[in-house]
């Protein structure tokens, strides 16, 4: 059973909203990038214009 925050109590693991390779929109800058790594349950690394940086997942959305 998955809760609203994405945590699966039955599997005792976190269900990540984004996956490596996903194209995402960084909300604060409006720039489009690609998820290049999952850092932890709240953060991913995103590459925008050749530069990678950590971003909290609540600051990202899909561009479509």
PDB file of N, CA and C in Angstrom:
ATOM      1  N   UNK A   1       0.839  -1.180   0.000  1.00  0.00           N
ATOM      2  CA  UNK A   1       0.000   0.000   0.000  1.00  0.00           C
ATOM      3  C   UNK A   1       0.882   1.240   0.000  1.00  0.00           C
ATOM      4  N   UNK A   2       0.686   2.097  -0.973  1.00  0.00           N
ATOM      5  CA  UNK A   2       1.485   3.313  -1.096  1.00  0.00           C
ATOM      6  C   UNK A   2       0.735   4.482  -0.471  1.00  0.00           C
ATOM      7  N   UNK A   3       1.449   5.292   0.303  1.00  0.00           N
ATOM      8  CA  UNK A   3       0.844   6.468   0.920  1.00  0.00           C
ATOM      9  C   UNK A   3       0.998   7.674   0.008  1.00  0.00           C
ATOM     10  N   UNK A   4       0.421   8.793   0.402  1.00  0.00           N
ATOM     11  CA  UNK A   4       0.488  10.012  -0.416  1.00  0.00           C
ATOM     12  C   UNK A   4       1.908  10.491  -0.639  1.00  0.00           C
ATOM     13  N   UNK A   5       2.796  10.273   0.305  1.00  0.00           N
ATOM     14  CA  UNK A   5       4.170  10.758   0.156  1.00  0.00           C
ATOM     15  C   UNK A   5       5.043   9.810  -0.659  1.00  0.00           C
ATOM     16  N   UNK A   6       4.442   8.738  -1.207  1.00  0.00           N
ATOM     17  CA  UNK A   6       5.196   7.833  -2.065  1.00  0.00           C
ATOM     18  C   UNK A   6       5.852   6.691  -1.336  1.00  0.00           C
ATOM     19  N   UNK A   7       5.673   6.587  -0.027  1.00  0.00           N
ATOM     20  CA  UNK A   7       6.308   5.530   0.739  1.00  0.00           C
ATOM     21  C   UNK A   7       5.470   4.272   0.678  1.00  0.00           C
ATOM     22  N   UNK A   8       6.090   3.170   0.353  1.00  0.00           N
ATOM     23  CA  UNK A   8       5.399   1.886   0.276  1.00  0.00           C
ATOM     24  C   UNK A   8       5.674   1.108   1.557  1.00  0.00           C
ATOM     25  N   UNK A   9       4.693   1.036   2.448  1.00  0.00           N
ATOM     26  CA  UNK A   9       4.871   0.369   3.739  1.00  0.00           C
ATOM     27  C   UNK A   9       5.054  -1.131   3.570  1.00  0.00           C
ATOM     28  N   UNK A  10       4.384  -1.728   2.594  1.00  0.00           N
ATOM     29  CA  UNK A  10       4.484  -3.167   2.394  1.00  0.00           C
ATOM     30  C   UNK A  10       5.883  -3.573   1.955  1.00  0.00           C
ATOM     31  N   UNK A  11       6.482  -2.805   1.088  1.00  0.00           N
ATOM     32  CA  UNK A  11       7.812  -3.128   0.576  1.00  0.00           C
ATOM     33  C   UNK A  11       8.910  -2.479   1.400  1.00  0.00           C
ATOM     34  N   UNK A  12       8.525  -1.565   2.301  1.00  0.00           N
ATOM     35  CA  UNK A  12       9.483  -0.853   3.134  1.00  0.00           C
ATOM     36  C   UNK A  12      10.522  -0.118   2.283  1.00  0.00           C
ATOM     37  N   UNK A  13      10.037   0.535   1.221  1.00  0.00           N
ATOM     38  CA  UNK A  13      10.922   1.294   0.348  1.00  0.00           C
ATOM     39  C   UNK A  13      10.192   2.531  -0.154  1.00  0.00           C
ATOM     40  N   UNK A  14      10.965   3.477  -0.617  1.00  0.00           N
ATOM     41  CA  UNK A  14      10.401   4.713  -1.134  1.00  0.00           C
ATOM     42  C   UNK A  14      10.206   4.582  -2.636  1.00  0.00           C
ATOM     43  N   UNK A  15       9.071   5.020  -3.142  1.00  0.00           N
ATOM     44  CA  UNK A  15       8.784   4.994  -4.570  1.00  0.00           C
ATOM     45  C   UNK A  15       9.125   6.363  -5.139  1.00  0.00           C
ATOM     46  N   UNK A  16      10.160   6.424  -5.974  1.00  0.00           N
ATOM     47  CA  UNK A  16      10.633   7.685  -6.529  1.00  0.00           C
ATOM     48  C   UNK A  16       9.733   8.133  -7.665  1.00  0.00           C
ATOM     49  N   UNK A  17       9.414   9.415  -7.681  1.00  0.00           N
ATOM     50  CA  UNK A  17       8.563   9.995  -8.714  1.00  0.00           C
ATOM     51  C   UNK A  17       9.299  10.113 -10.043  1.00  0.00           C
ATOM     52  N   UNK A  18      10.599  10.344  -9.999  1.00  0.00           N
ATOM     53  CA  UNK A  18      11.396  10.538 -11.202  1.00  0.00           C
ATOM     54  C   UNK A  18      12.393   9.401 -11.353  1.00  0.00           C
ATOM     55  N   UNK A  19      12.806   9.136 -12.598  1.00  0.00           N
ATOM     56  CA  UNK A  19      13.797   8.110 -12.890  1.00  0.00           C
ATOM     57  C   UNK A  19      14.940   8.730 -13.689  1.00  0.00           C
ATOM     58  N   UNK A  20      16.101   8.089 -13.638  1.00  0.00           N
ATOM     59  CA  UNK A  20      17.238   8.538 -14.441  1.00  0.00           C
ATOM     60  C   UNK A  20      16.818   8.531 -15.908  1.00  0.00           C
ATOM     61  N   UNK A  21      17.118   9.623 -16.600  1.00  0.00           N
ATOM     62  CA  UNK A  21      16.773   9.758 -18.006  1.00  0.00           C
ATOM     63  C   UNK A  21      15.513  10.573 -18.254  1.00  0.00           C
ATOM     64  N   UNK A  22      14.731  10.841 -17.194  1.00  0.00           N
ATOM     65  CA  UNK A  22      13.519  11.645 -17.347  1.00  0.00           C
ATOM     66  C   UNK A  22      13.861  13.091 -17.681  1.00  0.00           C
ATOM     67  N   UNK A  23      13.137  13.663 -18.622  1.00  0.00           N
ATOM     68  CA  UNK A  23      13.246  15.088 -18.906  1.00  0.00           C
ATOM     69  C   UNK A  23      12.357  15.819 -17.912  1.00  0.00           C
ATOM     70  N   UNK A  24      12.910  16.823 -17.249  1.00  0.00           N
ATOM     71  CA  UNK A  24      12.183  17.550 -16.204  1.00  0.00           C
ATOM     72  C   UNK A  24      12.314  19.048 -16.406  1.00  0.00           C
ATOM     73  N   UNK A  25      11.411  19.777 -15.774  1.00  0.00           N
ATOM     74  CA  UNK A  25      11.441  21.234 -15.776  1.00  0.00           C
ATOM     75  C   UNK A  25      11.784  21.693 -14.365  1.00  0.00           C
ATOM     76  N   UNK A  26      12.832  22.507 -14.232  1.00  0.00           N
ATOM     77  CA  UNK A  26      13.226  23.053 -12.934  1.00  0.00           C
ATOM     78  C   UNK A  26      12.345  24.279 -12.697  1.00  0.00           C
ATOM     79  N   UNK A  27      11.498  24.215 -11.686  1.00  0.00           N
ATOM     80  CA  UNK A  27      10.479  25.249 -11.472  1.00  0.00           C
ATOM     81  C   UNK A  27      11.058  26.648 -11.267  1.00  0.00           C
ATOM     82  N   UNK A  28      12.096  26.787 -10.450  1.00  0.00           N
ATOM     83  CA  UNK A  28      12.581  28.135 -10.115  1.00  0.00           C
ATOM     84  C   UNK A  28      13.258  28.843 -11.280  1.00  0.00           C
ATOM     85  N   UNK A  29      13.799  28.070 -12.233  1.00  0.00           N
ATOM     86  CA  UNK A  29      14.494  28.704 -13.358  1.00  0.00           C
ATOM     87  C   UNK A  29      13.739  28.566 -14.675  1.00  0.00           C
ATOM     88  N   UNK A  30      12.803  27.614 -14.726  1.00  0.00           N
ATOM     89  CA  UNK A  30      12.081  27.377 -15.959  1.00  0.00           C
ATOM     90  C   UNK A  30      12.888  26.612 -16.999  1.00  0.00           C
ATOM     91  N   UNK A  31      14.076  26.121 -16.619  1.00  0.00           N
ATOM     92  CA  UNK A  31      14.938  25.416 -17.553  1.00  0.00           C
ATOM     93  C   UNK A  31      14.589  23.930 -17.597  1.00  0.00           C
ATOM     94  N   UNK A  32      14.789  23.352 -18.767  1.00  0.00           N
ATOM     95  CA  UNK A  32      14.559  21.935 -18.952  1.00  0.00           C
ATOM     96  C   UNK A  32      15.875  21.200 -18.780  1.00  0.00           C
ATOM     97  N   UNK A  33      15.822  20.053 -18.105  1.00  0.00           N
ATOM     98  CA  UNK A  33      17.015  19.258 -17.892  1.00  0.00           C
ATOM     99  C   UNK A  33      16.685  17.781 -17.887  1.00  0.00           C
ATOM    100  N   UNK A  34      17.688  16.969 -17.563  1.00  0.00           N
ATOM    101  CA  UNK A  34      17.535  15.522 -17.526  1.00  0.00           C
ATOM    102  C   UNK A  34      18.025  15.003 -16.174  1.00  0.00           C
ATOM    103  N   UNK A  35      17.257  14.104 -15.576  1.00  0.00           N
ATOM    104  CA  UNK A  35      17.673  13.465 -14.323  1.00  0.00           C
ATOM    105  C   UNK A  35      18.832  12.528 -14.644  1.00  0.00           C
ATOM    106  N   UNK A  36      19.971  12.731 -13.972  1.00  0.00           N
ATOM    107  CA  UNK A  36      21.153  11.904 -14.229  1.00  0.00           C
ATOM    108  C   UNK A  36      21.481  10.977 -13.069  1.00  0.00           C
ATOM    109  N   UNK A  37      20.892  11.213 -11.879  1.00  0.00           N
ATOM    110  CA  UNK A  37      21.143  10.335 -10.738  1.00  0.00           C
ATOM    111  C   UNK A  37      20.065  10.543  -9.675  1.00  0.00           C
ATOM    112  N   UNK A  38      19.777   9.475  -8.942  1.00  0.00           N
ATOM    113  CA  UNK A  38      18.902   9.543  -7.779  1.00  0.00           C
ATOM    114  C   UNK A  38      19.824   9.666  -6.567  1.00  0.00           C
ATOM    115  N   UNK A  39      19.713  10.745  -5.819  1.00  0.00           N
ATOM    116  CA  UNK A  39      20.606  10.979  -4.680  1.00  0.00           C
ATOM    117  C   UNK A  39      20.052  10.375  -3.392  1.00  0.00           C
ATOM    118  N   UNK A  40      18.777  10.597  -3.129  1.00  0.00           N
ATOM    119  CA  UNK A  40      18.087  10.006  -1.984  1.00  0.00           C
ATOM    120  C   UNK A  40      16.600  10.145  -2.227  1.00  0.00           C
ATOM    121  N   UNK A  41      15.785   9.886  -1.225  1.00  0.00           N
ATOM    122  CA  UNK A  41      14.338   9.883  -1.449  1.00  0.00           C
ATOM    123  C   UNK A  41      13.752  11.265  -1.738  1.00  0.00           C
ATOM    124  N   UNK A  42      14.511  12.322  -1.478  1.00  0.00           N
ATOM    125  CA  UNK A  42      14.017  13.685  -1.696  1.00  0.00           C
ATOM    126  C   UNK A  42      14.767  14.465  -2.765  1.00  0.00           C
ATOM    127  N   UNK A  43      15.889  13.929  -3.252  1.00  0.00           N
ATOM    128  CA  UNK A  43      16.724  14.704  -4.178  1.00  0.00           C
ATOM    129  C   UNK A  43      17.199  13.857  -5.353  1.00  0.00           C
ATOM    130  N   UNK A  44      17.349  14.533  -6.489  1.00  0.00           N
ATOM    131  CA  UNK A  44      17.945  13.927  -7.672  1.00  0.00           C
ATOM    132  C   UNK A  44      19.007  14.883  -8.204  1.00  0.00           C
ATOM    133  N   UNK A  45      19.857  14.370  -9.067  1.00  0.00           N
ATOM    134  CA  UNK A  45      20.818  15.221  -9.754  1.00  0.00           C
ATOM    135  C   UNK A  45      20.285  15.457 -11.160  1.00  0.00           C
ATOM    136  N   UNK A  46      20.268  16.726 -11.561  1.00  0.00           N
ATOM    137  CA  UNK A  46      19.730  17.119 -12.863  1.00  0.00           C
ATOM    138  C   UNK A  46      20.837  17.794 -13.668  1.00  0.00           C
ATOM    139  N   UNK A  47      20.909  17.456 -14.963  1.00  0.00           N
ATOM    140  CA  UNK A  47      21.866  18.113 -15.857  1.00  0.00           C
ATOM    141  C   UNK A  47      21.108  19.103 -16.731  1.00  0.00           C
ATOM    142  N   UNK A  48      21.530  20.367 -16.653  1.00  0.00           N
ATOM    143  CA  UNK A  48      20.963  21.442 -17.475  1.00  0.00           C
ATOM    144  C   UNK A  48      22.117  22.116 -18.196  1.00  0.00           C
ATOM    145  N   UNK A  49      22.067  22.146 -19.519  1.00  0.00           N
ATOM    146  CA  UNK A  49      23.120  22.791 -20.317  1.00  0.00           C
ATOM    147  C   UNK A  49      24.517  22.311 -19.947  1.00  0.00           C
ATOM    148  N   UNK A  50      24.680  21.017 -19.703  1.00  0.00           N
ATOM    149  CA  UNK A  50      25.983  20.440 -19.417  1.00  0.00           C
ATOM    150  C   UNK A  50      26.433  20.510 -17.976  1.00  0.00           C
ATOM    151  N   UNK A  51      25.663  21.146 -17.101  1.00  0.00           N
ATOM    152  CA  UNK A  51      26.009  21.260 -15.694  1.00  0.00           C
ATOM    153  C   UNK A  51      25.034  20.441 -14.851  1.00  0.00           C
ATOM    154  N   UNK A  52      25.563  19.581 -13.969  1.00  0.00           N
ATOM    155  CA  UNK A  52      24.722  18.769 -13.088  1.00  0.00           C
ATOM    156  C   UNK A  52      24.702  19.373 -11.699  1.00  0.00           C
ATOM    157  N   UNK A  53      23.531  19.327 -11.069  1.00  0.00           N
ATOM    158  CA  UNK A  53      23.400  19.864  -9.708  1.00  0.00           C
ATOM    159  C   UNK A  53      22.247  19.156  -9.000  1.00  0.00           C
ATOM    160  N   UNK A  54      22.306  19.097  -7.658  1.00  0.00           N
ATOM    161  CA  UNK A  54      21.241  18.443  -6.898  1.00  0.00           C
ATOM    162  C   UNK A  54      20.002  19.327  -6.810  1.00  0.00           C
ATOM    163  N   UNK A  55      18.842  18.685  -6.884  1.00  0.00           N
ATOM    164  CA  UNK A  55      17.568  19.398  -6.819  1.00  0.00           C
ATOM    165  C   UNK A  55      16.595  18.569  -5.978  1.00  0.00           C
ATOM    166  N   UNK A  56      15.846  19.238  -5.111  1.00  0.00           N
ATOM    167  CA  UNK A  56      14.773  18.551  -4.394  1.00  0.00           C
ATOM    168  C   UNK A  56      13.673  18.218  -5.397  1.00  0.00           C
ATOM    169  N   UNK A  57      13.104  17.033  -5.278  1.00  0.00           N
ATOM    170  CA  UNK A  57      12.112  16.582  -6.251  1.00  0.00           C
ATOM    171  C   UNK A  57      10.860  17.455  -6.261  1.00  0.00           C
ATOM    172  N   UNK A  58      10.558  18.136  -5.158  1.00  0.00           N
ATOM    173  CA  UNK A  58       9.376  19.001  -5.162  1.00  0.00           C
ATOM    174  C   UNK A  58       9.611  20.294  -5.946  1.00  0.00           C
ATOM    175  N   UNK A  59      10.850  20.512  -6.426  1.00  0.00           N
ATOM    176  CA  UNK A  59      11.168  21.664  -7.270  1.00  0.00           C
ATOM    177  C   UNK A  59      11.171  21.300  -8.748  1.00  0.00           C
ATOM    178  N   UNK A  60      10.751  20.065  -9.062  1.00  0.00           N
ATOM    179  CA  UNK A  60      10.744  19.590 -10.439  1.00  0.00           C
ATOM    180  C   UNK A  60       9.343  19.228 -10.883  1.00  0.00           C
ATOM    181  N   UNK A  61       9.139  19.284 -12.180  1.00  0.00           N
ATOM    182  CA  UNK A  61       7.897  18.785 -12.752  1.00  0.00           C
ATOM    183  C   UNK A  61       8.195  18.298 -14.161  1.00  0.00           C
ATOM    184  N   UNK A  62       7.279  17.534 -14.708  1.00  0.00           N
ATOM    185  CA  UNK A  62       7.435  17.106 -16.089  1.00  0.00           C
ATOM    186  C   UNK A  62       7.039  18.253 -17.018  1.00  0.00           C
ATOM    187  N   UNK A  63       7.756  18.439 -18.113  1.00  0.00           N
ATOM    188  CA  UNK A  63       7.524  19.599 -18.989  1.00  0.00           C
ATOM    189  C   UNK A  63       6.283  19.489 -19.875  1.00  0.00           C
ATOM    190  N   UNK A  64       5.527  18.432 -19.751  1.00  0.00           N
ATOM    191  CA  UNK A  64       4.337  18.273 -20.594  1.00  0.00           C
ATOM    192  C   UNK A  64       3.093  18.195 -19.769  1.00  0.00           C
TER     193      UNK A  64
END
